[in-house]
Amino acid sequence: MFRFKLVVAAIVIAASAVPVLPAHAEGAVVIRDAGCIFFNGDGQFESLDNSQTVTTSQGGTKTCSGDVTPPSSGKAVHYDFLSTGVGCSTPAGITFFGWRETVSASGRAVVICVIR
């Protein structure tokens, strides 16, 4: 049980003291240089400080993107709760299990966390 809690907390979409900018008329908020923890292309955790987080009012999603180590297979990879057993956590410590991550062949990672 203790190990599960550590793993669940591993994917965190968090923001430090960074500028928050409104993105579009739809009510999205963009946080640049947010800190996010991703799975890299080979399934290892990788933390980035130069990523971007977008929060929308429609559907309550958070998207975090950045460049990570690309997959050694040379092909894009996909992760989610079912394939990893890891949840998506917010800075408030709330964990959600509806998330997905895609790492492109070149190492561009995008995590979408559905917050309901």
Protein backbone atom coordinates (compact mmCIF):
# COMPACT_ATOMS: atom_id res chain seq x y z
CA MET A 1 0.00 0.00 0.00
CA PHE A 2 2.79 2.44 0.89
CA ARG A 3 4.57 1.79 -2.42
CA PHE A 4 1.32 2.38 -4.33
CA LYS A 5 0.92 5.82 -2.73
CA LEU A 6 4.44 6.78 -3.78
CA VAL A 7 3.83 5.67 -7.34
CA VAL A 8 0.45 7.39 -7.56
CA ALA A 9 2.03 10.67 -6.55
CA ALA A 10 4.65 10.35 -9.28
CA ILE A 11 2.78 12.06 -12.10
CA VAL A 12 2.24 15.55 -10.83
CA ILE A 13 1.13 18.55 -12.78
CA ALA A 14 2.31 21.43 -10.66
CA ALA A 15 3.15 25.08 -11.07
CA SER A 16 5.69 27.12 -9.21
CA ALA A 17 5.72 30.92 -8.95
CA VAL A 18 5.35 31.57 -12.65
CA PRO A 19 3.25 33.96 -14.70
CA VAL A 20 -0.29 32.81 -15.42
CA LEU A 21 -1.62 34.04 -18.75
CA PRO A 22 -5.16 33.74 -20.14
CA ALA A 23 -4.97 31.85 -23.43
CA HIS A 24 -8.25 32.15 -25.32
CA ALA A 25 -11.79 33.40 -24.97
CA GLU A 26 -12.81 29.87 -23.92
CA GLY A 27 -11.33 30.51 -20.47
CA ALA A 28 -8.09 28.53 -20.73
CA VAL A 29 -5.18 29.44 -18.48
CA VAL A 30 -1.59 28.87 -19.63
CA ILE A 31 1.25 28.47 -17.13
CA ARG A 32 4.68 28.59 -18.72
CA ASP A 33 7.71 26.96 -17.14
CA ALA A 34 5.49 24.76 -15.00
CA GLY A 35 7.03 21.75 -13.32
CA CYS A 36 5.68 18.41 -14.54
CA ILE A 37 6.75 14.81 -14.10
CA PHE A 38 6.38 12.64 -17.20
CA PHE A 39 7.11 9.12 -18.27
CA ASN A 40 9.87 9.37 -20.87
CA GLY A 41 9.91 7.30 -24.07
CA ASP A 42 11.31 4.27 -22.25
CA GLY A 43 8.86 4.36 -19.31
CA GLN A 44 11.12 6.07 -16.75
CA PHE A 45 10.07 9.15 -14.76
CA GLU A 46 11.48 12.44 -16.00
CA SER A 47 10.91 15.85 -14.44
CA LEU A 48 10.82 19.04 -16.50
CA ASP A 49 10.87 22.65 -15.37
CA ASN A 50 10.48 24.11 -18.87
CA SER A 51 7.10 22.59 -19.71
CA GLN A 52 3.76 24.29 -20.22
CA THR A 53 0.47 23.60 -18.43
CA VAL A 54 -2.91 24.53 -19.92
CA THR A 55 -6.07 24.36 -17.82
CA THR A 56 -9.47 24.66 -19.48
CA SER A 57 -12.82 25.40 -17.92
CA GLN A 58 -14.60 22.99 -20.27
CA GLY A 59 -14.24 19.46 -18.98
CA GLY A 60 -11.65 20.41 -16.37
CA THR A 61 -8.56 19.14 -18.18
CA LYS A 62 -4.93 19.94 -17.53
CA THR A 63 -2.43 19.47 -20.33
CA CYS A 64 1.29 19.51 -19.71
CA SER A 65 3.83 19.22 -22.51
CA GLY A 66 7.61 19.18 -22.85
CA ASP A 67 10.57 17.34 -24.34
CA VAL A 68 11.75 14.11 -22.70
CA THR A 69 14.12 11.28 -23.62
CA PRO A 70 12.68 9.76 -26.82
CA PRO A 71 11.67 6.09 -27.07
CA SER A 72 14.65 3.86 -27.88
CA SER A 73 12.30 1.88 -30.16
CA GLY A 74 12.06 4.91 -32.47
CA LYS A 75 8.24 4.74 -32.30
CA ALA A 76 5.73 6.80 -30.34
CA VAL A 77 4.55 5.33 -27.02
CA HIS A 78 1.38 5.83 -24.98
CA TYR A 79 0.77 5.62 -21.24
CA ASP A 80 -2.33 5.84 -19.04
CA PHE A 81 -3.60 4.60 -15.69
CA LEU A 82 -4.40 1.13 -17.06
CA SER A 83 -0.89 0.62 -18.46
CA THR A 84 1.01 2.09 -15.49
CA GLY A 85 -1.17 1.95 -12.37
CA VAL A 86 -0.18 5.58 -11.73
CA GLY A 87 -2.65 8.44 -11.19
CA CYS A 88 -2.41 12.10 -12.14
CA SER A 89 -2.02 14.33 -9.06
CA THR A 90 -2.73 18.04 -8.69
CA PRO A 91 -0.73 20.45 -6.51
CA ALA A 92 -3.59 20.17 -3.97
CA GLY A 93 -2.84 16.46 -3.59
CA ILE A 94 -5.97 15.23 -5.38
CA THR A 95 -5.36 12.22 -7.62
CA PHE A 96 -7.32 11.43 -10.78
CA PHE A 97 -7.09 8.26 -12.82
CA GLY A 98 -8.39 9.57 -16.16
CA TRP A 99 -5.17 10.62 -17.88
CA ARG A 100 -3.09 9.75 -20.92
CA GLU A 101 0.38 10.58 -22.13
CA THR A 102 1.88 10.31 -25.59
CA VAL A 103 5.63 10.49 -26.21
CA SER A 104 6.45 11.01 -29.88
CA ALA A 105 9.35 9.28 -31.63
CA SER A 106 11.31 12.54 -31.24
CA GLY A 107 10.58 12.79 -27.48
CA ARG A 108 7.76 15.38 -27.37
CA ALA A 109 5.59 14.40 -24.38
CA VAL A 110 2.00 15.51 -23.82
CA VAL A 111 0.05 14.56 -20.68
CA ILE A 112 -3.69 15.20 -20.50
CA CYS A 113 -5.23 14.83 -17.04
CA VAL A 114 -9.04 14.85 -16.87
CA ILE A 115 -10.12 16.51 -13.63
CA ARG A 116 -13.71 15.79 -12.64
